[in-house]
C-alpha atoms as a PDB file:
ATOM      1  CA  MET A   1      14.385 -19.438  -0.760  1.00  0.00           C
ATOM      2  CA  ILE A   2      15.589 -16.465   1.293  1.00  0.00           C
ATOM      3  CA  SER A   3      17.907 -17.196   4.186  1.00  0.00           C
ATOM      4  CA  LYS A   4      17.225 -15.981   7.705  1.00  0.00           C
ATOM      5  CA  ALA A   5      20.011 -13.372   7.564  1.00  0.00           C
ATOM      6  CA  ALA A   6      18.679 -11.978   4.284  1.00  0.00           C
ATOM      7  CA  SER A   7      15.172 -11.882   5.731  1.00  0.00           C
ATOM      8  CA  ASN A   8      16.427  -9.996   8.798  1.00  0.00           C
ATOM      9  CA  THR A   9      18.221  -7.521   6.542  1.00  0.00           C
ATOM     10  CA  VAL A  10      15.096  -6.887   4.554  1.00  0.00           C
ATOM     11  CA  ALA A  11      13.111  -6.330   7.768  1.00  0.00           C
ATOM     12  CA  LEU A  12      15.767  -3.931   9.070  1.00  0.00           C
ATOM     13  CA  VAL A  13      15.730  -1.945   5.844  1.00  0.00           C
ATOM     14  CA  SER A  14      11.926  -1.784   5.984  1.00  0.00           C
ATOM     15  CA  TRP A  15      12.011  -0.471   9.571  1.00  0.00           C
ATOM     16  CA  ALA A  16      14.639   2.108   8.660  1.00  0.00           C
ATOM     17  CA  THR A  17      12.620   3.244   5.656  1.00  0.00           C
ATOM     18  CA  VAL A  18       9.484   3.644   7.801  1.00  0.00           C
ATOM     19  CA  ALA A  19      11.524   5.572  10.377  1.00  0.00           C
ATOM     20  CA  VAL A  20      12.752   7.959   7.654  1.00  0.00           C
ATOM     21  CA  LEU A  21       9.186   8.347   6.354  1.00  0.00           C
ATOM     22  CA  VAL A  22       7.963   9.221   9.897  1.00  0.00           C
ATOM     23  CA  PHE A  23      10.718  11.868  10.152  1.00  0.00           C
ATOM     24  CA  ASP A  24       9.676  13.175   6.729  1.00  0.00           C
ATOM     25  CA  GLY A  25       6.091  13.404   7.914  1.00  0.00           C
ATOM     26  CA  PHE A  26       7.204  15.329  10.996  1.00  0.00           C
ATOM     27  CA  LEU A  27       9.309  17.651   8.870  1.00  0.00           C
ATOM     28  CA  SER A  28       6.397  18.125   6.439  1.00  0.00           C
ATOM     29  CA  GLY A  29       4.163  19.106   9.360  1.00  0.00           C
ATOM     30  CA  ILE A  30       6.670  21.687  10.628  1.00  0.00           C
ATOM     31  CA  LEU A  31       7.156  23.186   7.153  1.00  0.00           C
ATOM     32  CA  SER A  32       3.396  23.268   6.586  1.00  0.00           C
ATOM     33  CA  VAL A  33       2.957  25.262   9.772  1.00  0.00           C
ATOM     34  CA  PHE A  34       5.882  27.627   9.030  1.00  0.00           C
ATOM     35  CA  PHE A  35       4.593  28.501   5.562  1.00  0.00           C
ATOM     36  CA  LEU A  36       0.890  28.676   6.494  1.00  0.00           C
ATOM     37  CA  PRO A  37       0.763  32.468   6.861  1.00  0.00           C
ATOM     38  CA  THR A  38       1.935  33.034   3.289  1.00  0.00           C
ATOM     39  CA  TYR A  39       0.607  36.078   1.425  1.00  0.00           C
ATOM     40  CA  VAL A  40       0.378  36.745  -2.288  1.00  0.00           C
ATOM     41  CA  GLY A  41       0.280  40.519  -2.453  1.00  0.00           C
ATOM     42  CA  SER A  42      -2.186  41.481   0.283  1.00  0.00           C
ATOM     43  CA  VAL A  43      -4.237  38.284   0.084  1.00  0.00           C
ATOM     44  CA  GLN A  44      -3.696  35.326   2.432  1.00  0.00           C
ATOM     45  CA  PHE A  45      -2.667  32.304   0.368  1.00  0.00           C
ATOM     46  CA  PRO A  46      -2.157  29.225   2.591  1.00  0.00           C
ATOM     47  CA  ILE A  47      -0.855  26.914  -0.152  1.00  0.00           C
ATOM     48  CA  SER A  48       1.183  24.953   2.383  1.00  0.00           C
ATOM     49  CA  ALA A  49      -2.011  23.263   3.612  1.00  0.00           C
ATOM     50  CA  VAL A  50      -2.567  21.750   0.153  1.00  0.00           C
ATOM     51  CA  LEU A  51       1.080  20.932  -0.324  1.00  0.00           C
ATOM     52  CA  GLY A  52       1.127  19.229   3.105  1.00  0.00           C
ATOM     53  CA  GLY A  53      -1.833  17.070   2.015  1.00  0.00           C
ATOM     54  CA  ILE A  54      -0.062  16.086  -1.206  1.00  0.00           C
ATOM     55  CA  ALA A  55       3.108  15.287   0.752  1.00  0.00           C
ATOM     56  CA  ASN A  56       1.150  13.175   3.220  1.00  0.00           C
ATOM     57  CA  VAL A  57      -0.447  11.138   0.458  1.00  0.00           C
ATOM     58  CA  ALA A  58       2.955  10.510  -1.091  1.00  0.00           C
ATOM     59  CA  LEU A  59       4.424   9.497   2.284  1.00  0.00           C
ATOM     60  CA  VAL A  60       1.557   7.087   2.996  1.00  0.00           C
ATOM     61  CA  LEU A  61       1.910   5.513  -0.449  1.00  0.00           C
ATOM     62  CA  ALA A  62       5.666   5.132   0.107  1.00  0.00           C
ATOM     63  CA  ALA A  63       5.053   3.581   3.549  1.00  0.00           C
ATOM     64  CA  ARG A  64       2.616   1.110   2.019  1.00  0.00           C
ATOM     65  CA  LYS A  65       5.336  -0.167  -0.284  1.00  0.00           C
ATOM     66  CA  VAL A  66       7.600  -1.189   2.599  1.00  0.00           C
ATOM     67  CA  ALA A  67       5.173  -1.923   5.497  1.00  0.00           C
ATOM     68  CA  GLU A  68       2.363  -4.391   5.825  1.00  0.00           C
ATOM     69  CA  ARG A  69       0.646  -3.466   9.110  1.00  0.00           C
ATOM     70  CA  PRO A  70      -1.815  -0.565   8.935  1.00  0.00           C
ATOM     71  CA  ILE A  71      -0.245   1.263  11.875  1.00  0.00           C
ATOM     72  CA  TRP A  72       3.145   1.376  10.102  1.00  0.00           C
ATOM     73  CA  VAL A  73       1.493   2.560   6.899  1.00  0.00           C
ATOM     74  CA  ALA A  74      -0.185   5.375   8.828  1.00  0.00           C
ATOM     75  CA  SER A  75       2.926   6.318  10.787  1.00  0.00           C
ATOM     76  CA  PRO A  76       4.062   9.189   8.448  1.00  0.00           C
ATOM     77  CA  LEU A  77       0.629  10.778   8.884  1.00  0.00           C
ATOM     78  CA  ILE A  78       0.924  10.326  12.653  1.00  0.00           C
ATOM     79  CA  GLY A  79       4.355  12.063  12.529  1.00  0.00           C
ATOM     80  CA  TRP A  80       2.794  14.961  10.597  1.00  0.00           C
ATOM     81  CA  PHE A  81      -0.038  15.254  13.095  1.00  0.00           C
ATOM     82  CA  VAL A  82       2.338  15.236  16.083  1.00  0.00           C
ATOM     83  CA  ALA A  83       4.325  18.079  14.515  1.00  0.00           C
ATOM     84  CA  VAL A  84       1.150  20.113  13.941  1.00  0.00           C
ATOM     85  CA  VAL A  85      -0.073  19.522  17.484  1.00  0.00           C
ATOM     86  CA  LEU A  86       3.314  20.505  18.909  1.00  0.00           C
ATOM     87  CA  CYS A  87       3.120  23.772  16.995  1.00  0.00           C
ATOM     88  CA  LEU A  88      -0.243  24.516  18.669  1.00  0.00           C
ATOM     89  CA  PHE A  89       1.472  24.881  22.042  1.00  0.00           C
ATOM     90  CA  GLY A  90       3.194  28.076  23.094  1.00  0.00           C
ATOM     91  CA  GLY A  91       6.914  28.345  23.116  1.00  0.00           C
ATOM     92  CA  PRO A  92       9.259  29.679  25.813  1.00  0.00           C
ATOM     93  CA  GLY A  93       8.340  33.271  25.082  1.00  0.00           C
ATOM     94  CA  ASN A  94       4.601  32.441  24.842  1.00  0.00           C
ATOM     95  CA  ASP A  95       4.751  32.733  21.067  1.00  0.00           C
ATOM     96  CA  VAL A  96       2.319  30.505  19.194  1.00  0.00           C
ATOM     97  CA  LEU A  97       2.831  29.318  15.638  1.00  0.00           C
ATOM     98  CA  LEU A  98      -0.809  28.329  14.986  1.00  0.00           C
ATOM     99  CA  LEU A  99      -3.597  30.633  15.955  1.00  0.00           C
ATOM    100  CA  ALA A 100      -7.320  29.916  16.315  1.00  0.00           C
ATOM    101  CA  ASP A 101      -7.864  30.837  12.691  1.00  0.00           C
ATOM    102  CA  TRP A 102      -9.516  29.424   9.557  1.00  0.00           C
ATOM    103  CA  ARG A 103      -6.070  28.662   8.177  1.00  0.00           C
ATOM    104  CA  THR A 104      -5.352  26.288  11.052  1.00  0.00           C
ATOM    105  CA  MET A 105      -8.540  24.360  10.343  1.00  0.00           C
ATOM    106  CA  LEU A 106      -7.671  24.339   6.637  1.00  0.00           C
ATOM    107  CA  LEU A 107      -4.232  22.945   7.445  1.00  0.00           C
ATOM    108  CA  ILE A 108      -5.646  20.091   9.514  1.00  0.00           C
ATOM    109  CA  VAL A 109      -8.414  19.224   7.042  1.00  0.00           C
ATOM    110  CA  ALA A 110      -6.392  19.626   3.826  1.00  0.00           C
ATOM    111  CA  GLY A 111      -3.208  18.147   5.337  1.00  0.00           C
ATOM    112  CA  ALA A 112      -4.629  15.060   6.999  1.00  0.00           C
ATOM    113  CA  GLY A 113      -7.864  14.557   5.080  1.00  0.00           C
ATOM    114  CA  PRO A 114      -6.634  13.129   1.769  1.00  0.00           C
ATOM    115  CA  ALA A 115      -4.162  10.772   3.458  1.00  0.00           C
ATOM    116  CA  GLY A 116      -6.833   9.733   5.948  1.00  0.00           C
ATOM    117  CA  VAL A 117      -9.219   8.905   3.151  1.00  0.00           C
ATOM    118  CA  LEU A 118      -6.468   6.924   1.414  1.00  0.00           C
ATOM    119  CA  LEU A 119      -5.796   4.956   4.590  1.00  0.00           C
ATOM    120  CA  PHE A 120      -9.529   4.290   4.984  1.00  0.00           C
ATOM    121  CA  MET A 121      -9.686   3.006   1.362  1.00  0.00           C
ATOM    122  CA  PHE A 122      -6.678   0.692   1.978  1.00  0.00           C
ATOM    123  CA  ARG A 123      -8.357  -0.710   5.091  1.00  0.00           C
ATOM    124  CA  MET A 124     -11.733  -1.226   3.415  1.00  0.00           C
ATOM    125  CA  LYS A 125     -10.024  -2.939   0.492  1.00  0.00           C
ATOM    126  CA  ALA A 126      -8.226  -5.336   2.875  1.00  0.00           C
ATOM    127  CA  ILE A 127     -11.415  -6.072   4.783  1.00  0.00           C
ATOM    128  CA  THR A 128     -13.456  -6.788   1.659  1.00  0.00           C
ATOM    129  CA  ALA A 129     -10.642  -8.956   0.262  1.00  0.00           C
ATOM    130  CA  SER A 130     -10.622 -11.052   3.427  1.00  0.00           C
ATOM    131  CA  VAL A 131     -14.392 -11.429   3.360  1.00  0.00           C
ATOM    132  CA  ARG A 132     -14.293 -12.518  -0.267  1.00  0.00           C
ATOM    133  CA  ALA A 133     -11.571 -15.050   0.511  1.00  0.00           C
ATOM    134  CA  ASP A 134     -13.635 -16.743   3.269  1.00  0.00           C
ATOM    135  CA  PRO A 135     -17.279 -15.613   3.133  1.00  0.00           C
ATOM    136  CA  HIS A 136     -18.486 -18.050   5.839  1.00  0.00           C
ATOM    137  CA  SER A 137     -15.783 -17.383   8.469  1.00  0.00           C
ATOM    138  CA  GLY A 138     -18.133 -15.447  10.746  1.00  0.00           C
ATOM    139  CA  ALA A 139     -21.211 -17.601  10.256  1.00  0.00           C
ATOM    140  CA  ARG A 140     -21.991 -20.086  13.018  1.00  0.00           C
ATOM    141  CA  PRO A 141     -24.619 -22.809  12.747  1.00  0.00           C
ATOM    142  CA  ARG A 142     -27.722 -22.069  14.802  1.00  0.00           C
ATOM    143  CA  SER A 143     -29.546 -24.612  16.812  1.00  0.00           C
ATOM    144  CA  SER A 144     -33.027 -25.683  15.864  1.00  0.00           C
ATOM    145  CA  SER A 145     -34.576 -23.615  18.689  1.00  0.00           C
ATOM    146  CA  GLY A 146     -33.225 -20.409  17.138  1.00  0.00           C
ATOM    147  CA  SER A 147     -30.796 -19.449  19.867  1.00  0.00           C
ATOM    148  CA  ALA A 148     -27.060 -19.506  19.261  1.00  0.00           C
ATOM    149  CA  VAL A 149     -26.186 -20.245  22.910  1.00  0.00           C
ATOM    150  CA  ARG A 150     -27.608 -23.114  24.930  1.00  0.00           C
END
């Protein structure tokens, strides 16, 4: 059996790992925005939107290994989203990193979409597992008159 000190150490390491993953999500969001206006020749090629989505999926999967609560599993994606939203605001010289452009929408959809779908799948799997474990937890016996409340 694990002692209380060892349990506290494991919890501290888990919290530190989630904190690093949130920072990585924030950094991934900043880098996705910086490399969004990439060109290949004379053609716009926003590959950073796709790479941001791949990075977010990897960060969510890593967070799921160390965290149990859904909010902590989603925290790297929240860090990424905060970075992208901060880049939407103007800076001190009124310079804006993200314009009202199709690439911005692509960044948000391709960057957050796959990780969001993954989080949704994790949540649905947990809900269906809990329903299978106790299928009658929400069922209440009804009275003979047909009303649940007297």
